[in-house]
Amino acid sequence: HHELVGKAARESIVLLKNTENILPLKPGCNVALIGDFAVDPRYQGAGSSMVNPTLVETMEKKIREYDVQVVGISRGYKRTGEEDAAMRKETLEIAAAADVVLYCFGLDELSESEGLDRNHMRVPQNQIDLLQAIAQVNENIVGILSAGSSIEMPWHYCCKALLHGYLGGQAGAGAMLDALTGIVNPSGRLSE
């Protein structure tokens, strides 16, 4: 079952942007893995769409299985929206030391859920503020989006590449790393 959901996740990843052919990542390149979703992925919806996973992959744990050198991992932002100066400082230091920043961000569980209408289509502002700060220290950013619905992207200029994994399920992290490293072609299509 895990292999099946991994196949579905790999086939669903959408490549939104790939400037200067930054993807696939070059073998052995130095990467910074940044974002709360890299450590604690948003892999499913909330409420009645929740299931009991058998094994939830995380990019933090899976990335060392790939031909990249990890210079650092940071949660980067608080999922709840608060600012954290110490976390931000650490994140920017890691980002500056990398060839490529893998920035995992998107809509948190409170931003979209059954039983409520969204009053805007924006990614939480603290995540965008961090993205813009990272762009000041490293222009090679690959944005990795997790969300179950449409979002506005006025910040897209900060990213050389953008991949949308939606809510990729329990095997979504490995599927995304397969797409980032060229093992699979991100050939999904937008549903909205």
N, C-alpha and C. Protein backbone atom coordinates (compact mmCIF):
# COMPACT_ATOMS: atom_id res chain seq x y z
N HIS A 1 0.83 -1.21 0.00
CA HIS A 1 0.00 0.00 0.00
C HIS A 1 0.86 1.26 0.00
N HIS A 2 1.99 1.21 0.74
CA HIS A 2 2.88 2.37 0.77
C HIS A 2 3.46 2.64 -0.63
N GLU A 3 3.83 1.59 -1.33
CA GLU A 3 4.34 1.76 -2.70
C GLU A 3 3.26 2.36 -3.61
N LEU A 4 2.03 1.94 -3.44
CA LEU A 4 0.94 2.45 -4.27
C LEU A 4 0.70 3.94 -4.03
N VAL A 5 0.69 4.36 -2.76
CA VAL A 5 0.47 5.78 -2.50
C VAL A 5 1.68 6.60 -2.94
N GLY A 6 2.88 6.00 -2.90
CA GLY A 6 4.06 6.69 -3.43
C GLY A 6 3.96 6.90 -4.92
N LYS A 7 3.46 5.89 -5.63
CA LYS A 7 3.27 6.02 -7.08
C LYS A 7 2.26 7.12 -7.39
N ALA A 8 1.17 7.16 -6.65
CA ALA A 8 0.17 8.21 -6.85
C ALA A 8 0.75 9.59 -6.59
N ALA A 9 1.55 9.71 -5.53
CA ALA A 9 2.17 11.00 -5.20
C ALA A 9 3.14 11.43 -6.30
N ARG A 10 3.97 10.50 -6.78
CA ARG A 10 4.94 10.85 -7.84
C ARG A 10 4.23 11.32 -9.09
N GLU A 11 3.10 10.69 -9.42
CA GLU A 11 2.38 11.05 -10.65
C GLU A 11 1.55 12.32 -10.49
N SER A 12 1.41 12.82 -9.27
CA SER A 12 0.59 14.00 -9.01
C SER A 12 1.38 15.28 -8.87
N ILE A 13 2.69 15.19 -8.70
CA ILE A 13 3.51 16.40 -8.49
C ILE A 13 3.50 17.26 -9.74
N VAL A 14 3.25 18.56 -9.55
CA VAL A 14 3.15 19.49 -10.66
C VAL A 14 4.36 20.42 -10.65
N LEU A 15 5.06 20.47 -11.77
CA LEU A 15 6.16 21.42 -11.94
C LEU A 15 5.55 22.73 -12.43
N LEU A 16 5.61 23.76 -11.59
CA LEU A 16 5.03 25.05 -11.93
C LEU A 16 6.05 25.98 -12.58
N LYS A 17 7.33 25.77 -12.26
CA LYS A 17 8.36 26.69 -12.74
C LYS A 17 9.70 25.99 -12.63
N ASN A 18 10.59 26.23 -13.62
CA ASN A 18 11.95 25.68 -13.56
C ASN A 18 12.88 26.60 -14.34
N THR A 19 13.21 27.73 -13.74
CA THR A 19 14.07 28.72 -14.36
C THR A 19 15.52 28.24 -14.33
N GLU A 20 16.21 28.47 -15.43
CA GLU A 20 17.63 28.12 -15.55
C GLU A 20 17.89 26.64 -15.32
N ASN A 21 16.87 25.81 -15.52
CA ASN A 21 17.01 24.36 -15.34
C ASN A 21 17.67 24.00 -14.02
N ILE A 22 17.23 24.65 -12.96
CA ILE A 22 17.78 24.33 -11.62
C ILE A 22 17.41 22.91 -11.21
N LEU A 23 16.33 22.40 -11.78
CA LEU A 23 15.92 21.01 -11.55
C LEU A 23 16.14 20.20 -12.81
N PRO A 24 16.48 18.94 -12.68
CA PRO A 24 16.73 18.22 -11.44
C PRO A 24 18.01 18.71 -10.77
N LEU A 25 18.07 18.49 -9.46
CA LEU A 25 19.25 18.89 -8.71
C LEU A 25 20.47 18.15 -9.25
N LYS A 26 21.60 18.85 -9.29
CA LYS A 26 22.84 18.23 -9.75
C LYS A 26 23.33 17.24 -8.69
N PRO A 27 23.81 16.08 -9.11
CA PRO A 27 24.33 15.11 -8.13
C PRO A 27 25.40 15.73 -7.23
N GLY A 28 25.29 15.50 -5.95
CA GLY A 28 26.27 15.98 -4.99
C GLY A 28 26.15 17.44 -4.60
N CYS A 29 25.16 18.16 -5.11
CA CYS A 29 25.06 19.59 -4.78
C CYS A 29 24.74 19.77 -3.30
N ASN A 30 25.16 20.91 -2.78
CA ASN A 30 24.91 21.25 -1.37
C ASN A 30 23.54 21.88 -1.24
N VAL A 31 22.68 21.28 -0.42
CA VAL A 31 21.33 21.79 -0.26
C VAL A 31 21.04 22.13 1.20
N ALA A 32 20.21 23.14 1.38
CA ALA A 32 19.63 23.47 2.68
C ALA A 32 18.18 23.05 2.61
N LEU A 33 17.74 22.30 3.58
CA LEU A 33 16.34 21.87 3.64
C LEU A 33 15.65 22.71 4.71
N ILE A 34 14.71 23.53 4.26
CA ILE A 34 14.10 24.51 5.16
C ILE A 34 12.58 24.40 5.08
N GLY A 35 11.95 24.48 6.24
CA GLY A 35 10.50 24.52 6.31
C GLY A 35 9.94 23.50 7.27
N ASP A 36 8.97 23.93 8.03
CA ASP A 36 8.32 23.05 8.99
C ASP A 36 7.72 21.83 8.31
N PHE A 37 7.24 21.99 7.07
CA PHE A 37 6.65 20.87 6.35
C PHE A 37 7.69 19.82 5.97
N ALA A 38 8.97 20.18 5.95
CA ALA A 38 10.03 19.19 5.67
C ALA A 38 10.23 18.26 6.86
N VAL A 39 9.93 18.76 8.06
CA VAL A 39 10.12 18.00 9.29
C VAL A 39 8.82 17.32 9.72
N ASP A 40 7.72 18.03 9.58
CA ASP A 40 6.40 17.55 9.98
C ASP A 40 5.46 17.79 8.80
N PRO A 41 5.43 16.88 7.82
CA PRO A 41 4.74 17.17 6.57
C PRO A 41 3.24 17.34 6.70
N ARG A 42 2.73 18.16 5.84
CA ARG A 42 1.27 18.29 5.67
C ARG A 42 0.90 17.33 4.56
N TYR A 43 0.55 16.12 4.92
CA TYR A 43 0.36 15.06 3.94
C TYR A 43 -1.10 14.68 3.72
N GLN A 44 -2.01 15.17 4.59
CA GLN A 44 -3.43 14.85 4.44
C GLN A 44 -4.27 16.00 4.96
N GLY A 45 -5.54 15.94 4.64
CA GLY A 45 -6.46 16.95 5.12
C GLY A 45 -6.84 16.71 6.58
N ALA A 46 -7.78 17.50 7.04
CA ALA A 46 -8.22 17.39 8.44
C ALA A 46 -9.68 16.93 8.46
N GLY A 47 -10.18 16.70 9.65
CA GLY A 47 -11.58 16.29 9.79
C GLY A 47 -11.81 14.90 9.26
N SER A 48 -12.88 14.73 8.50
CA SER A 48 -13.27 13.40 8.03
C SER A 48 -12.32 12.85 6.97
N SER A 49 -11.41 13.65 6.45
CA SER A 49 -10.45 13.14 5.46
C SER A 49 -9.21 12.53 6.10
N MET A 50 -9.11 12.59 7.42
CA MET A 50 -7.95 12.02 8.10
C MET A 50 -8.01 10.50 8.08
N VAL A 51 -6.85 9.90 7.82
CA VAL A 51 -6.71 8.44 7.86
C VAL A 51 -5.56 8.09 8.80
N ASN A 52 -5.48 6.85 9.20
CA ASN A 52 -4.37 6.39 10.03
C ASN A 52 -3.27 5.86 9.13
N PRO A 53 -2.18 6.61 8.98
CA PRO A 53 -1.10 6.16 8.10
C PRO A 53 -0.33 5.01 8.72
N THR A 54 0.28 4.20 7.85
CA THR A 54 1.13 3.11 8.35
C THR A 54 2.57 3.57 8.53
N LEU A 55 3.01 4.55 7.72
CA LEU A 55 4.37 5.07 7.79
C LEU A 55 4.39 6.42 7.11
N VAL A 56 4.65 7.49 7.84
CA VAL A 56 4.71 8.83 7.25
C VAL A 56 6.16 9.19 6.98
N GLU A 57 6.50 9.35 5.71
CA GLU A 57 7.84 9.79 5.34
C GLU A 57 7.98 11.28 5.57
N THR A 58 9.19 11.72 5.90
CA THR A 58 9.49 13.15 5.99
C THR A 58 10.70 13.42 5.11
N MET A 59 10.76 14.61 4.56
CA MET A 59 11.93 14.97 3.76
C MET A 59 13.17 15.01 4.64
N GLU A 60 13.00 15.43 5.89
CA GLU A 60 14.13 15.48 6.82
C GLU A 60 14.80 14.11 6.94
N LYS A 61 14.02 13.06 7.03
CA LYS A 61 14.58 11.72 7.21
C LYS A 61 14.98 11.07 5.89
N LYS A 62 14.26 11.34 4.81
CA LYS A 62 14.50 10.68 3.53
C LYS A 62 15.64 11.29 2.72
N ILE A 63 15.94 12.57 2.91
CA ILE A 63 16.86 13.27 2.01
C ILE A 63 18.26 12.66 1.99
N ARG A 64 18.68 12.06 3.06
CA ARG A 64 20.04 11.50 3.11
C ARG A 64 20.17 10.23 2.26
N GLU A 65 19.05 9.73 1.74
CA GLU A 65 19.08 8.58 0.83
C GLU A 65 19.36 9.00 -0.61
N TYR A 66 19.48 10.29 -0.86
CA TYR A 66 19.64 10.83 -2.22
C TYR A 66 21.03 11.41 -2.41
N ASP A 67 21.42 11.58 -3.66
CA ASP A 67 22.76 12.07 -3.99
C ASP A 67 22.83 13.60 -3.92
N VAL A 68 22.63 14.11 -2.71
CA VAL A 68 22.82 15.53 -2.40
C VAL A 68 23.53 15.62 -1.06
N GLN A 69 24.22 16.72 -0.84
CA GLN A 69 24.89 16.96 0.44
C GLN A 69 24.07 17.97 1.23
N VAL A 70 23.60 17.57 2.39
CA VAL A 70 22.76 18.44 3.20
C VAL A 70 23.65 19.29 4.11
N VAL A 71 23.62 20.62 3.88
CA VAL A 71 24.43 21.52 4.72
C VAL A 71 23.70 21.91 6.00
N GLY A 72 22.39 21.71 6.02
CA GLY A 72 21.63 22.01 7.23
C GLY A 72 20.14 21.85 6.99
N ILE A 73 19.45 21.64 8.10
CA ILE A 73 17.99 21.51 8.09
C ILE A 73 17.43 22.44 9.16
N SER A 74 16.42 23.20 8.80
CA SER A 74 15.79 24.10 9.75
C SER A 74 14.29 24.13 9.50
N ARG A 75 13.52 24.16 10.59
CA ARG A 75 12.06 24.32 10.44
C ARG A 75 11.74 25.68 9.83
N GLY A 76 12.56 26.68 10.09
CA GLY A 76 12.43 27.97 9.42
C GLY A 76 11.34 28.88 9.93
N TYR A 77 10.14 28.39 10.04
CA TYR A 77 9.00 29.19 10.47
C TYR A 77 8.15 28.36 11.42
N LYS A 78 7.34 29.06 12.17
CA LYS A 78 6.37 28.36 13.03
C LYS A 78 5.08 28.20 12.25
N ARG A 79 4.57 27.02 12.26
CA ARG A 79 3.36 26.69 11.53
C ARG A 79 2.17 27.55 11.98
N THR A 80 2.19 27.97 13.22
CA THR A 80 1.10 28.75 13.79
C THR A 80 1.17 30.23 13.43
N GLY A 81 2.22 30.66 12.74
CA GLY A 81 2.29 32.02 12.24
C GLY A 81 3.13 33.00 13.02
N GLU A 82 3.58 32.63 14.22
CA GLU A 82 4.38 33.57 15.01
C GLU A 82 5.79 33.69 14.43
N GLU A 83 6.41 34.82 14.67
CA GLU A 83 7.80 35.04 14.26
C GLU A 83 8.72 34.49 15.33
N ASP A 84 9.89 34.01 14.93
CA ASP A 84 10.89 33.48 15.84
C ASP A 84 12.25 33.95 15.34
N ALA A 85 12.82 34.96 15.97
CA ALA A 85 14.07 35.59 15.50
C ALA A 85 15.23 34.62 15.50
N ALA A 86 15.36 33.79 16.51
CA ALA A 86 16.47 32.84 16.58
C ALA A 86 16.37 31.80 15.46
N MET A 87 15.17 31.31 15.21
CA MET A 87 14.96 30.34 14.14
C MET A 87 15.27 30.97 12.79
N ARG A 88 14.84 32.19 12.61
CA ARG A 88 15.09 32.91 11.35
C ARG A 88 16.58 33.09 11.11
N LYS A 89 17.32 33.49 12.14
CA LYS A 89 18.76 33.69 12.02
C LYS A 89 19.45 32.38 11.61
N GLU A 90 19.12 31.29 12.29
CA GLU A 90 19.69 29.98 11.96
C GLU A 90 19.37 29.59 10.52
N THR A 91 18.14 29.81 10.12
CA THR A 91 17.70 29.46 8.78
C THR A 91 18.47 30.22 7.72
N LEU A 92 18.65 31.50 7.91
CA LEU A 92 19.36 32.32 6.92
C LEU A 92 20.83 31.92 6.83
N GLU A 93 21.43 31.53 7.93
CA GLU A 93 22.83 31.06 7.90
C GLU A 93 22.93 29.77 7.10
N ILE A 94 22.02 28.85 7.31
CA ILE A 94 22.01 27.59 6.56
C ILE A 94 21.78 27.87 5.07
N ALA A 95 20.82 28.73 4.76
CA ALA A 95 20.50 29.05 3.37
C ALA A 95 21.70 29.67 2.65
N ALA A 96 22.41 30.53 3.32
CA ALA A 96 23.56 31.20 2.71
C ALA A 96 24.69 30.22 2.39
N ALA A 97 24.78 29.12 3.13
CA ALA A 97 25.86 28.15 2.95
C ALA A 97 25.58 27.12 1.86
N ALA A 98 24.39 27.11 1.29
CA ALA A 98 23.98 26.07 0.35
C ALA A 98 24.09 26.54 -1.10
N ASP A 99 24.23 25.54 -2.01
CA ASP A 99 24.12 25.84 -3.44
C ASP A 99 22.65 26.07 -3.79
N VAL A 100 21.77 25.26 -3.20
CA VAL A 100 20.33 25.32 -3.49
C VAL A 100 19.56 25.20 -2.18
N VAL A 101 18.53 26.01 -2.05
CA VAL A 101 17.64 25.94 -0.89
C VAL A 101 16.37 25.22 -1.31
N LEU A 102 16.02 24.18 -0.58
CA LEU A 102 14.74 23.50 -0.76
C LEU A 102 13.81 24.03 0.32
N TYR A 103 12.83 24.83 -0.09
CA TYR A 103 11.96 25.51 0.86
C TYR A 103 10.57 24.89 0.83
N CYS A 104 10.21 24.21 1.90
CA CYS A 104 8.92 23.50 2.01
C CYS A 104 7.92 24.39 2.75
N PHE A 105 6.85 24.77 2.09
CA PHE A 105 5.88 25.69 2.68
C PHE A 105 4.51 25.48 2.06
N GLY A 106 3.53 26.19 2.57
CA GLY A 106 2.19 26.07 2.01
C GLY A 106 1.12 26.38 3.04
N LEU A 107 -0.03 25.76 2.85
CA LEU A 107 -1.17 26.01 3.73
C LEU A 107 -1.15 25.05 4.91
N ASP A 108 -1.28 25.59 6.10
CA ASP A 108 -1.33 24.74 7.28
C ASP A 108 -2.75 24.21 7.48
N GLU A 109 -2.89 23.36 8.47
CA GLU A 109 -4.18 22.70 8.72
C GLU A 109 -5.30 23.68 9.06
N LEU A 110 -4.96 24.83 9.64
CA LEU A 110 -5.98 25.81 10.00
C LEU A 110 -6.39 26.70 8.83
N SER A 111 -5.57 26.71 7.77
CA SER A 111 -5.85 27.57 6.62
C SER A 111 -6.92 27.00 5.71
N GLU A 112 -7.05 25.68 5.70
CA GLU A 112 -8.05 25.03 4.85
C GLU A 112 -8.57 23.80 5.56
N SER A 113 -9.86 23.69 5.61
CA SER A 113 -10.48 22.56 6.29
C SER A 113 -11.92 22.46 5.83
N GLU A 114 -12.47 21.27 5.99
CA GLU A 114 -13.89 21.14 5.68
C GLU A 114 -14.69 21.95 6.69
N GLY A 115 -15.82 22.42 6.29
CA GLY A 115 -16.70 23.14 7.20
C GLY A 115 -16.38 24.62 7.35
N LEU A 116 -15.42 25.14 6.58
CA LEU A 116 -15.15 26.58 6.62
C LEU A 116 -14.79 27.08 5.24
N ASP A 117 -15.16 28.30 4.98
CA ASP A 117 -14.79 28.95 3.74
C ASP A 117 -13.56 29.81 4.01
N ARG A 118 -12.62 29.78 3.09
CA ARG A 118 -11.43 30.62 3.22
C ARG A 118 -11.81 32.06 2.86
N ASN A 119 -11.27 33.01 3.61
CA ASN A 119 -11.56 34.41 3.30
C ASN A 119 -10.43 35.05 2.51
N HIS A 120 -9.41 34.28 2.16
CA HIS A 120 -8.34 34.72 1.26
C HIS A 120 -7.66 33.48 0.70
N MET A 121 -6.74 33.68 -0.23
CA MET A 121 -6.05 32.57 -0.89
C MET A 121 -4.54 32.67 -0.70
N ARG A 122 -4.10 33.24 0.40
CA ARG A 122 -2.68 33.48 0.63
C ARG A 122 -2.05 32.41 1.52
N VAL A 123 -0.76 32.17 1.27
CA VAL A 123 0.06 31.36 2.17
C VAL A 123 0.32 32.21 3.40
N PRO A 124 0.39 31.63 4.60
CA PRO A 124 0.64 32.42 5.80
C PRO A 124 1.84 33.37 5.64
N GLN A 125 1.66 34.60 6.12
CA GLN A 125 2.62 35.67 5.87
C GLN A 125 4.01 35.37 6.43
N ASN A 126 4.09 34.70 7.58
CA ASN A 126 5.43 34.42 8.12
C ASN A 126 6.24 33.53 7.19
N GLN A 127 5.57 32.64 6.46
CA GLN A 127 6.27 31.79 5.50
C GLN A 127 6.78 32.60 4.31
N ILE A 128 5.98 33.55 3.87
CA ILE A 128 6.38 34.40 2.74
C ILE A 128 7.48 35.36 3.17
N ASP A 129 7.38 35.91 4.37
CA ASP A 129 8.45 36.79 4.86
C ASP A 129 9.78 36.05 4.90
N LEU A 130 9.77 34.81 5.35
CA LEU A 130 11.00 34.02 5.39
C LEU A 130 11.50 33.73 3.98
N LEU A 131 10.62 33.38 3.07
CA LEU A 131 11.01 33.14 1.69
C LEU A 131 11.72 34.36 1.12
N GLN A 132 11.16 35.54 1.34
CA GLN A 132 11.77 36.76 0.81
C GLN A 132 13.13 37.04 1.47
N ALA A 133 13.26 36.72 2.74
CA ALA A 133 14.55 36.90 3.42
C ALA A 133 15.58 35.91 2.89
N ILE A 134 15.17 34.67 2.64
CA ILE A 134 16.09 33.68 2.08
C ILE A 134 16.58 34.13 0.71
N ALA A 135 15.68 34.69 -0.08
CA ALA A 135 16.05 35.15 -1.42
C ALA A 135 17.13 36.24 -1.37
N GLN A 136 17.25 36.94 -0.25
CA GLN A 136 18.29 37.95 -0.10
C GLN A 136 19.67 37.34 0.12
N VAL A 137 19.72 36.09 0.61
CA VAL A 137 21.02 35.45 0.89
C VAL A 137 21.33 34.31 -0.09
N ASN A 138 20.33 33.84 -0.84
CA ASN A 138 20.55 32.76 -1.79
C ASN A 138 19.47 32.83 -2.86
N GLU A 139 19.86 33.05 -4.09
CA GLU A 139 18.87 33.19 -5.16
C GLU A 139 18.42 31.84 -5.73
N ASN A 140 19.06 30.77 -5.34
CA ASN A 140 18.73 29.44 -5.87
C ASN A 140 17.75 28.71 -4.95
N ILE A 141 16.50 29.10 -5.04
CA ILE A 141 15.46 28.53 -4.18
C ILE A 141 14.52 27.67 -5.01
N VAL A 142 14.30 26.46 -4.50
CA VAL A 142 13.28 25.58 -5.07
C VAL A 142 12.15 25.54 -4.06
N GLY A 143 11.01 26.10 -4.42
CA GLY A 143 9.84 26.10 -3.55
C GLY A 143 9.07 24.80 -3.71
N ILE A 144 8.73 24.19 -2.57
CA ILE A 144 7.99 22.93 -2.55
C ILE A 144 6.69 23.17 -1.80
N LEU A 145 5.61 23.26 -2.53
CA LEU A 145 4.31 23.62 -1.96
C LEU A 145 3.53 22.41 -1.48
N SER A 146 2.88 22.58 -0.34
CA SER A 146 1.92 21.61 0.18
C SER A 146 0.63 22.37 0.46
N ALA A 147 -0.43 21.96 -0.21
CA ALA A 147 -1.73 22.61 0.00
C ALA A 147 -2.78 21.76 -0.70
N GLY A 148 -3.98 21.83 -0.20
CA GLY A 148 -5.06 21.08 -0.79
C GLY A 148 -5.99 21.91 -1.65
N SER A 149 -5.64 23.19 -1.82
CA SER A 149 -6.51 24.06 -2.61
C SER A 149 -5.67 25.16 -3.27
N SER A 150 -6.33 25.97 -4.05
CA SER A 150 -5.66 27.04 -4.80
C SER A 150 -5.05 28.08 -3.88
N ILE A 151 -3.94 28.66 -4.33
CA ILE A 151 -3.29 29.75 -3.59
C ILE A 151 -2.85 30.84 -4.57
N GLU A 152 -2.74 32.04 -4.03
CA GLU A 152 -2.14 33.14 -4.78
C GLU A 152 -0.63 33.01 -4.69
N MET A 153 0.09 33.46 -5.75
CA MET A 153 1.54 33.32 -5.73
C MET A 153 2.26 34.60 -6.18
N PRO A 154 1.97 35.74 -5.55
CA PRO A 154 2.68 36.96 -5.97
C PRO A 154 4.16 36.93 -5.62
N TRP A 155 4.60 35.98 -4.82
CA TRP A 155 5.97 35.82 -4.36
C TRP A 155 6.78 34.87 -5.24
N HIS A 156 6.19 34.37 -6.32
CA HIS A 156 6.85 33.33 -7.12
C HIS A 156 8.22 33.75 -7.65
N TYR A 157 8.43 35.05 -7.81
CA TYR A 157 9.71 35.55 -8.33
C TYR A 157 10.88 35.21 -7.41
N CYS A 158 10.62 34.87 -6.15
CA CYS A 158 11.69 34.49 -5.22
C CYS A 158 12.24 33.09 -5.51
N CYS A 159 11.50 32.30 -6.25
CA CYS A 159 11.87 30.90 -6.48
C CYS A 159 12.30 30.69 -7.92
N LYS A 160 13.42 30.00 -8.12
CA LYS A 160 13.81 29.61 -9.48
C LYS A 160 12.98 28.43 -9.96
N ALA A 161 12.56 27.60 -9.03
CA ALA A 161 11.70 26.47 -9.38
C ALA A 161 10.60 26.36 -8.34
N LEU A 162 9.45 25.85 -8.79
CA LEU A 162 8.31 25.61 -7.90
C LEU A 162 7.69 24.27 -8.25
N LEU A 163 7.54 23.44 -7.22
CA LEU A 163 6.85 22.17 -7.35
C LEU A 163 5.66 22.17 -6.40
N HIS A 164 4.53 21.68 -6.89
CA HIS A 164 3.35 21.59 -6.04
C HIS A 164 3.05 20.11 -5.81
N GLY A 165 3.12 19.69 -4.55
CA GLY A 165 2.86 18.30 -4.22
C GLY A 165 1.48 18.06 -3.65
N TYR A 166 0.68 19.13 -3.56
CA TYR A 166 -0.64 19.04 -2.93
C TYR A 166 -0.49 18.39 -1.55
N LEU A 167 -1.39 17.51 -1.18
CA LEU A 167 -1.27 16.75 0.06
C LEU A 167 -0.91 15.33 -0.37
N GLY A 168 0.40 15.06 -0.41
CA GLY A 168 0.94 13.90 -1.09
C GLY A 168 0.79 12.56 -0.41
N GLY A 169 0.13 12.51 0.74
CA GLY A 169 -0.04 11.24 1.42
C GLY A 169 1.21 10.81 2.16
N GLN A 170 1.15 9.65 2.76
CA GLN A 170 2.21 9.20 3.66
C GLN A 170 3.54 8.99 2.94
N ALA A 171 3.55 8.77 1.63
CA ALA A 171 4.78 8.56 0.88
C ALA A 171 5.15 9.78 0.04
N GLY A 172 4.56 10.92 0.35
CA GLY A 172 4.79 12.12 -0.44
C GLY A 172 6.20 12.67 -0.37
N ALA A 173 6.89 12.51 0.75
CA ALA A 173 8.24 13.07 0.89
C ALA A 173 9.21 12.38 -0.07
N GLY A 174 9.17 11.06 -0.11
CA GLY A 174 10.04 10.35 -1.04
C GLY A 174 9.70 10.65 -2.48
N ALA A 175 8.41 10.76 -2.76
CA ALA A 175 7.98 11.10 -4.12
C ALA A 175 8.52 12.47 -4.53
N MET A 176 8.47 13.44 -3.62
CA MET A 176 8.97 14.77 -3.94
C MET A 176 10.48 14.75 -4.15
N LEU A 177 11.19 14.02 -3.32
CA LEU A 177 12.65 13.92 -3.49
C LEU A 177 12.99 13.21 -4.80
N ASP A 178 12.18 12.24 -5.21
CA ASP A 178 12.38 11.61 -6.52
C ASP A 178 12.25 12.64 -7.63
N ALA A 179 11.28 13.52 -7.53
CA ALA A 179 11.08 14.56 -8.55
C ALA A 179 12.21 15.58 -8.52
N LEU A 180 12.64 15.97 -7.33
CA LEU A 180 13.71 16.96 -7.21
C LEU A 180 15.03 16.47 -7.80
N THR A 181 15.30 15.18 -7.66
CA THR A 181 16.57 14.63 -8.11
C THR A 181 16.52 14.01 -9.49
N GLY A 182 15.38 14.05 -10.16
CA GLY A 182 15.28 13.57 -11.53
C GLY A 182 15.00 12.09 -11.67
N ILE A 183 14.71 11.42 -10.57
CA ILE A 183 14.36 9.99 -10.67
C ILE A 183 13.03 9.84 -11.40
N VAL A 184 12.12 10.78 -11.14
CA VAL A 184 10.84 10.83 -11.87
C VAL A 184 10.65 12.22 -12.43
N ASN A 185 9.85 12.29 -13.48
CA ASN A 185 9.51 13.56 -14.09
C ASN A 185 8.25 14.10 -13.43
N PRO A 186 8.30 15.31 -12.86
CA PRO A 186 7.08 15.87 -12.25
C PRO A 186 6.08 16.25 -13.33
N SER A 187 5.20 15.31 -13.66
CA SER A 187 4.33 15.49 -14.82
C SER A 187 2.86 15.58 -14.47
N GLY A 188 2.55 15.87 -13.19
CA GLY A 188 1.16 16.06 -12.81
C GLY A 188 0.60 17.34 -13.41
N ARG A 189 -0.70 17.50 -13.33
CA ARG A 189 -1.37 18.68 -13.86
C ARG A 189 -2.21 19.32 -12.77
N LEU A 190 -2.37 20.62 -12.86
CA LEU A 190 -3.21 21.32 -11.89
C LEU A 190 -4.65 20.87 -12.01
N SER A 191 -5.30 20.73 -10.88
CA SER A 191 -6.70 20.34 -10.91
C SER A 191 -7.63 21.54 -10.80
N GLU A 192 -7.06 22.70 -10.57
CA GLU A 192 -7.87 23.92 -10.40
C GLU A 192 -7.27 25.02 -11.26
